[in-house]
Amino acid sequence: MENSYRYFENRDCRYYPCHEGIAEMNCLFCFCPLYPREHCPGKPEYLMSKGQKIKSCLHCVFPHRAENYETLMQFLKEGQKRREDKGEMG
């Protein structure tokens, strides 16, 4: 797949590939916009560390699959709409 507005691959990144087992790694959502969500369509794991529950996305590849672009954009649009409805700027 070639780089486009839906897909970007950065093979020069020192962390590439950040997940194993993906033939085409979409780096567009390198920092997953779904991380703050407790429930997301990916496959996060929840670990306990020092008495706190921590979300681990180490084995989740959802944002790195090009076919999930529309789903991620929908989550972002919904989040923006909620912020606008609350009168928050940003």
C-alpha atoms as a PDB file:
ATOM      1  CA  MET A   1       0.000   0.000   0.000  1.00  0.00           C
ATOM      2  CA  GLU A   2       1.372   3.418  -0.832  1.00  0.00           C
ATOM      3  CA  ASN A   3       1.432   6.398   1.510  1.00  0.00           C
ATOM      4  CA  SER A   4      -1.750   8.461   1.369  1.00  0.00           C
ATOM      5  CA  TYR A   5      -4.007  10.444   3.678  1.00  0.00           C
ATOM      6  CA  ARG A   6      -5.294   7.103   5.080  1.00  0.00           C
ATOM      7  CA  TYR A   7      -1.958   5.346   5.338  1.00  0.00           C
ATOM      8  CA  PHE A   8       1.596   6.291   6.194  1.00  0.00           C
ATOM      9  CA  GLU A   9       4.500   3.941   6.794  1.00  0.00           C
ATOM     10  CA  ASN A  10       7.757   5.146   8.355  1.00  0.00           C
ATOM     11  CA  ARG A  11      10.326   2.384   7.978  1.00  0.00           C
ATOM     12  CA  ASP A  12      13.042   4.817   9.111  1.00  0.00           C
ATOM     13  CA  CYS A  13      11.507   5.105  12.596  1.00  0.00           C
ATOM     14  CA  ARG A  14      13.805   3.655  15.235  1.00  0.00           C
ATOM     15  CA  TYR A  15      10.819   1.808  16.727  1.00  0.00           C
ATOM     16  CA  TYR A  16       9.618   0.313  13.426  1.00  0.00           C
ATOM     17  CA  PRO A  17       7.999  -2.122  13.603  1.00  0.00           C
ATOM     18  CA  CYS A  18       6.455  -1.347  16.973  1.00  0.00           C
ATOM     19  CA  HIS A  19       4.291  -4.479  16.676  1.00  0.00           C
ATOM     20  CA  GLU A  20       5.251  -7.791  15.101  1.00  0.00           C
ATOM     21  CA  GLY A  21       3.152  -9.736  12.621  1.00  0.00           C
ATOM     22  CA  ILE A  22       1.790  -6.927  10.456  1.00  0.00           C
ATOM     23  CA  ALA A  23       2.812  -6.977   6.802  1.00  0.00           C
ATOM     24  CA  GLU A  24       1.809  -3.329   6.232  1.00  0.00           C
ATOM     25  CA  MET A  25       2.273  -1.174   9.330  1.00  0.00           C
ATOM     26  CA  ASN A  26       0.177   2.000   9.238  1.00  0.00           C
ATOM     27  CA  CYS A  27       2.111   4.571  11.278  1.00  0.00           C
ATOM     28  CA  LEU A  28      -0.505   7.314  10.804  1.00  0.00           C
ATOM     29  CA  PHE A  29      -1.892   6.677  14.305  1.00  0.00           C
ATOM     30  CA  CYS A  30       1.461   5.948  15.927  1.00  0.00           C
ATOM     31  CA  PHE A  31       0.115   7.250  19.230  1.00  0.00           C
ATOM     32  CA  CYS A  32      -3.311   5.649  19.366  1.00  0.00           C
ATOM     33  CA  PRO A  33      -6.121   8.199  19.754  1.00  0.00           C
ATOM     34  CA  LEU A  34      -8.147   5.498  21.514  1.00  0.00           C
ATOM     35  CA  TYR A  35      -5.691   5.078  24.386  1.00  0.00           C
ATOM     36  CA  PRO A  36      -7.708   7.293  26.791  1.00  0.00           C
ATOM     37  CA  ARG A  37     -10.843   5.214  26.175  1.00  0.00           C
ATOM     38  CA  GLU A  38     -11.423   2.346  28.590  1.00  0.00           C
ATOM     39  CA  HIS A  39     -13.465   0.507  25.972  1.00  0.00           C
ATOM     40  CA  CYS A  40     -12.041   0.568  22.474  1.00  0.00           C
ATOM     41  CA  PRO A  41     -12.298  -1.716  19.454  1.00  0.00           C
ATOM     42  CA  GLY A  42      -8.699  -2.840  19.841  1.00  0.00           C
ATOM     43  CA  LYS A  43      -7.412  -5.603  22.077  1.00  0.00           C
ATOM     44  CA  PRO A  44      -5.795  -3.841  25.036  1.00  0.00           C
ATOM     45  CA  GLU A  45      -4.717  -5.660  28.154  1.00  0.00           C
ATOM     46  CA  TYR A  46      -5.088  -4.247  31.644  1.00  0.00           C
ATOM     47  CA  LEU A  47      -2.214  -4.768  34.060  1.00  0.00           C
ATOM     48  CA  MET A  48      -1.863  -3.953  37.725  1.00  0.00           C
ATOM     49  CA  SER A  49       1.191  -1.940  38.702  1.00  0.00           C
ATOM     50  CA  LYS A  50       1.724  -0.440  42.146  1.00  0.00           C
ATOM     51  CA  GLY A  51      -1.975  -0.847  42.897  1.00  0.00           C
ATOM     52  CA  GLN A  52      -3.128   0.915  39.723  1.00  0.00           C
ATOM     53  CA  LYS A  53      -4.773  -0.531  36.615  1.00  0.00           C
ATOM     54  CA  ILE A  54      -2.744   0.351  33.525  1.00  0.00           C
ATOM     55  CA  LYS A  55      -3.841  -0.077  29.926  1.00  0.00           C
ATOM     56  CA  SER A  56      -1.281  -1.914  27.805  1.00  0.00           C
ATOM     57  CA  CYS A  57      -1.610  -1.816  24.039  1.00  0.00           C
ATOM     58  CA  LEU A  58       1.579  -3.774  23.418  1.00  0.00           C
ATOM     59  CA  HIS A  59      -0.253  -6.548  21.563  1.00  0.00           C
ATOM     60  CA  CYS A  60      -2.947  -4.368  19.973  1.00  0.00           C
ATOM     61  CA  VAL A  61      -2.529  -3.585  16.272  1.00  0.00           C
ATOM     62  CA  PHE A  62      -5.934  -1.981  15.624  1.00  0.00           C
ATOM     63  CA  PRO A  63      -4.670   1.565  14.827  1.00  0.00           C
ATOM     64  CA  HIS A  64      -1.893   0.159  12.618  1.00  0.00           C
ATOM     65  CA  ARG A  65      -4.223  -1.582  10.166  1.00  0.00           C
ATOM     66  CA  ALA A  66      -5.146   0.635   7.210  1.00  0.00           C
ATOM     67  CA  GLU A  67      -8.667  -0.819   7.049  1.00  0.00           C
ATOM     68  CA  ASN A  68      -9.432   0.715  10.480  1.00  0.00           C
ATOM     69  CA  TYR A  69      -8.887   4.316   9.342  1.00  0.00           C
ATOM     70  CA  GLU A  70     -12.616   5.110   9.076  1.00  0.00           C
ATOM     71  CA  THR A  71     -13.375   3.622  12.512  1.00  0.00           C
ATOM     72  CA  LEU A  72     -10.602   5.674  14.127  1.00  0.00           C
ATOM     73  CA  MET A  73     -11.794   8.825  12.391  1.00  0.00           C
ATOM     74  CA  GLN A  74     -15.340   8.185  13.630  1.00  0.00           C
ATOM     75  CA  PHE A  75     -14.091   7.897  17.228  1.00  0.00           C
ATOM     76  CA  LEU A  76     -12.153  11.154  16.807  1.00  0.00           C
ATOM     77  CA  LYS A  77     -15.185  12.951  15.337  1.00  0.00           C
ATOM     78  CA  GLU A  78     -17.411  11.725  18.171  1.00  0.00           C
ATOM     79  CA  GLY A  79     -14.874  12.923  20.750  1.00  0.00           C
ATOM     80  CA  GLN A  80     -14.671  16.329  19.087  1.00  0.00           C
ATOM     81  CA  LYS A  81     -18.470  16.600  19.010  1.00  0.00           C
ATOM     82  CA  ARG A  82     -18.668  15.797  22.752  1.00  0.00           C
ATOM     83  CA  ARG A  83     -16.085  18.481  23.529  1.00  0.00           C
ATOM     84  CA  GLU A  84     -17.957  21.016  21.406  1.00  0.00           C
ATOM     85  CA  ASP A  85     -21.259  20.124  23.099  1.00  0.00           C
ATOM     86  CA  LYS A  86     -19.610  20.719  26.492  1.00  0.00           C
ATOM     87  CA  GLY A  87     -18.301  24.086  25.275  1.00  0.00           C
ATOM     88  CA  GLU A  88     -14.666  22.998  25.410  1.00  0.00           C
ATOM     89  CA  MET A  89     -12.272  24.420  22.854  1.00  0.00           C
ATOM     90  CA  GLY A  90      -9.525  22.440  21.157  1.00  0.00           C
END
